[in-house]
Amino acid sequence: MPRIGVDSPLAVLGLDRAGALVPPADFALAGWYGGGPAPGDPGPAVLAGHLDSRAGPAVFARLGELRPGDRVEVRRGDRWLPFRVTGSLRVAKDRFPTTRVYGPTPGPELRLVTCGGDFDRRRAHYRDNVVVFAVAESPADPLPSSAAG
């Protein structure tokens, strides 16, 4: 994500017993929900990362700065998959828009998710989520030969 300086491999993520997405154990990594579409496949590929840690900002610390029109690129194999941000929202975790995030889409899309809002010290969690929506921009571009491998 050039605008916010994110360049991270994707860990594969799963769900906890309550059905909530488990973010990457490494605060410097973003992850992809392996139970849904992969980036570039039809449907919403859900990517998640931490906002911060006790040590400071984490991989998605600046996610809320993305604006409509910003480019997001995901590497898949030997291709870069380009997406264009269409919008974002901040929503209370207890009002998370599950259908809007995980529901079917006509083509390849991304959902980028992190925490946001106020930090609830008693529960040791942020009260909100930030969700960024992006759609596939064009067919995937091959990686330069020096980057492939």
Protein backbone atom coordinates (compact mmCIF):
# COMPACT_ATOMS: atom_id res chain seq x y z
CA MET A 1 0.00 0.00 0.00
CA PRO A 2 2.20 2.78 -1.27
CA ARG A 3 0.23 5.65 0.34
CA ILE A 4 0.70 4.31 3.86
CA GLY A 5 4.03 2.52 3.45
CA VAL A 6 2.80 -1.04 4.03
CA ASP A 7 4.80 -3.84 2.40
CA SER A 8 4.11 -7.12 4.16
CA PRO A 9 3.85 -10.79 3.30
CA LEU A 10 0.47 -12.29 4.18
CA ALA A 11 0.08 -14.85 6.94
CA VAL A 12 -2.92 -17.21 6.64
CA LEU A 13 -5.54 -16.41 9.29
CA GLY A 14 -8.34 -18.44 10.81
CA LEU A 15 -11.22 -17.94 13.23
CA ASP A 16 -11.40 -18.35 16.98
CA ARG A 17 -14.06 -20.46 18.74
CA ALA A 18 -16.46 -17.52 18.73
CA GLY A 19 -16.07 -17.11 14.97
CA ALA A 20 -13.96 -13.94 15.13
CA LEU A 21 -10.98 -13.48 12.83
CA VAL A 22 -7.68 -14.11 14.63
CA PRO A 23 -5.14 -11.43 13.63
CA PRO A 24 -1.51 -12.34 12.92
CA ALA A 25 0.63 -13.19 15.95
CA ASP A 26 3.37 -10.97 14.51
CA PHE A 27 2.37 -7.29 14.79
CA ALA A 28 4.52 -6.45 11.75
CA LEU A 29 2.60 -8.82 9.44
CA ALA A 30 -0.73 -8.55 7.67
CA GLY A 31 -2.81 -11.67 7.17
CA TRP A 32 -5.42 -13.08 4.82
CA TYR A 33 -8.49 -15.01 6.02
CA GLY A 34 -7.82 -18.46 4.55
CA GLY A 35 -11.46 -19.53 4.84
CA GLY A 36 -12.52 -17.03 2.18
CA PRO A 37 -11.52 -16.04 -1.34
CA ALA A 38 -7.84 -15.45 -2.02
CA PRO A 39 -6.84 -12.00 -3.28
CA GLY A 40 -7.67 -11.84 -6.99
CA ASP A 41 -10.36 -14.55 -6.87
CA PRO A 42 -14.04 -13.54 -7.16
CA GLY A 43 -15.37 -12.38 -3.82
CA PRO A 44 -14.02 -10.38 -0.91
CA ALA A 45 -10.52 -11.34 0.24
CA VAL A 46 -10.30 -10.22 3.87
CA LEU A 47 -6.90 -8.93 5.02
CA ALA A 48 -6.27 -7.99 8.63
CA GLY A 49 -3.47 -6.55 10.70
CA HIS A 50 -2.85 -4.93 14.04
CA LEU A 51 -3.09 -1.19 14.63
CA ASP A 52 -0.40 -1.13 17.30
CA SER A 53 1.24 -2.99 20.14
CA ARG A 54 2.88 -2.05 23.42
CA ALA A 55 6.05 -1.46 21.40
CA GLY A 56 4.41 1.08 19.06
CA PRO A 57 2.68 1.23 15.67
CA ALA A 58 1.94 -2.07 13.89
CA VAL A 59 1.47 -3.02 10.23
CA PHE A 60 -1.96 -1.37 9.76
CA ALA A 61 -1.29 1.67 11.98
CA ARG A 62 -2.06 4.03 9.08
CA LEU A 63 -4.87 2.03 7.44
CA GLY A 64 -7.42 4.74 8.24
CA GLU A 65 -5.45 7.18 6.05
CA LEU A 66 -6.36 5.33 2.85
CA ARG A 67 -8.76 7.30 0.66
CA PRO A 68 -10.93 6.46 -2.36
CA GLY A 69 -8.70 6.14 -5.40
CA ASP A 70 -5.63 4.97 -3.47
CA ARG A 71 -3.92 1.90 -4.89
CA VAL A 72 -3.41 -1.33 -2.97
CA GLU A 73 -1.26 -4.06 -4.49
CA VAL A 74 -1.19 -7.69 -3.39
CA ARG A 75 1.47 -10.10 -4.57
CA ARG A 76 0.16 -13.52 -5.51
CA GLY A 77 2.70 -15.91 -6.95
CA ASP A 78 4.50 -14.12 -9.76
CA ARG A 79 1.87 -11.39 -10.20
CA TRP A 80 0.93 -8.09 -8.61
CA LEU A 81 -2.82 -7.75 -8.18
CA PRO A 82 -3.85 -4.08 -8.27
CA PHE A 83 -6.88 -2.83 -6.35
CA ARG A 84 -8.36 0.64 -5.95
CA VAL A 85 -9.82 1.86 -2.63
CA THR A 86 -13.52 2.71 -2.91
CA GLY A 87 -14.28 3.70 0.68
CA SER A 88 -13.86 2.99 4.36
CA LEU A 89 -15.74 3.05 7.62
CA ARG A 90 -15.15 2.94 11.34
CA VAL A 91 -17.69 0.88 13.22
CA ALA A 92 -18.17 -0.35 16.79
CA LYS A 93 -17.00 -3.95 17.12
CA ASP A 94 -20.42 -5.02 18.38
CA ARG A 95 -21.94 -3.63 15.15
CA PHE A 96 -19.38 -5.15 12.77
CA PRO A 97 -20.87 -5.33 9.24
CA THR A 98 -20.24 -9.06 8.73
CA THR A 99 -22.32 -9.36 5.55
CA ARG A 100 -20.76 -6.27 3.98
CA VAL A 101 -17.25 -7.53 4.76
CA TYR A 102 -17.61 -11.26 4.05
CA GLY A 103 -20.66 -11.34 1.74
CA PRO A 104 -20.43 -12.23 -1.95
CA THR A 105 -19.22 -9.71 -4.52
CA PRO A 106 -19.40 -9.94 -8.32
CA GLY A 107 -15.64 -9.74 -8.77
CA PRO A 108 -12.36 -9.67 -6.86
CA GLU A 109 -12.41 -7.22 -3.95
CA LEU A 110 -10.43 -6.58 -0.78
CA ARG A 111 -11.53 -5.84 2.76
CA LEU A 112 -8.72 -4.46 4.93
CA VAL A 113 -9.50 -4.62 8.65
CA THR A 114 -7.83 -3.30 11.78
CA CYS A 115 -8.80 -1.87 15.15
CA GLY A 116 -9.69 1.75 15.75
CA GLY A 117 -11.44 4.20 18.02
CA ASP A 118 -10.89 4.39 21.74
CA PHE A 119 -8.89 1.78 23.64
CA ASP A 120 -10.89 0.04 26.38
CA ARG A 121 -8.25 -0.53 29.07
CA ARG A 122 -10.54 -2.75 31.13
CA ARG A 123 -11.04 -5.20 28.23
CA ALA A 124 -7.61 -4.50 26.64
CA HIS A 125 -9.20 -4.01 23.21
CA TYR A 126 -10.08 -1.17 20.89
CA ARG A 127 -13.81 -0.49 20.73
CA ASP A 128 -14.06 -0.11 16.95
CA ASN A 129 -12.85 -1.61 13.71
CA VAL A 130 -11.64 0.28 10.65
CA VAL A 131 -12.63 -1.40 7.38
CA VAL A 132 -11.29 -0.31 3.98
CA PHE A 133 -13.01 -1.51 0.81
CA ALA A 134 -11.18 -1.96 -2.51
CA VAL A 135 -12.05 -3.38 -5.94
CA ALA A 136 -9.84 -5.05 -8.54
CA GLU A 137 -8.42 -2.44 -10.87
CA SER A 138 -7.31 -4.47 -13.90
CA PRO A 139 -5.78 -7.80 -14.82
CA ALA A 140 -2.72 -8.73 -12.80
CA ASP A 141 0.63 -7.39 -13.94
CA PRO A 142 3.62 -9.76 -14.02
CA LEU A 143 6.39 -9.05 -11.57
CA PRO A 144 9.63 -7.70 -13.01
CA SER A 145 12.05 -10.57 -13.66
CA SER A 146 14.34 -9.34 -10.87
CA ALA A 147 11.48 -9.65 -8.31
CA ALA A 148 10.17 -13.06 -9.40
CA GLY A 149 11.43 -16.14 -7.73
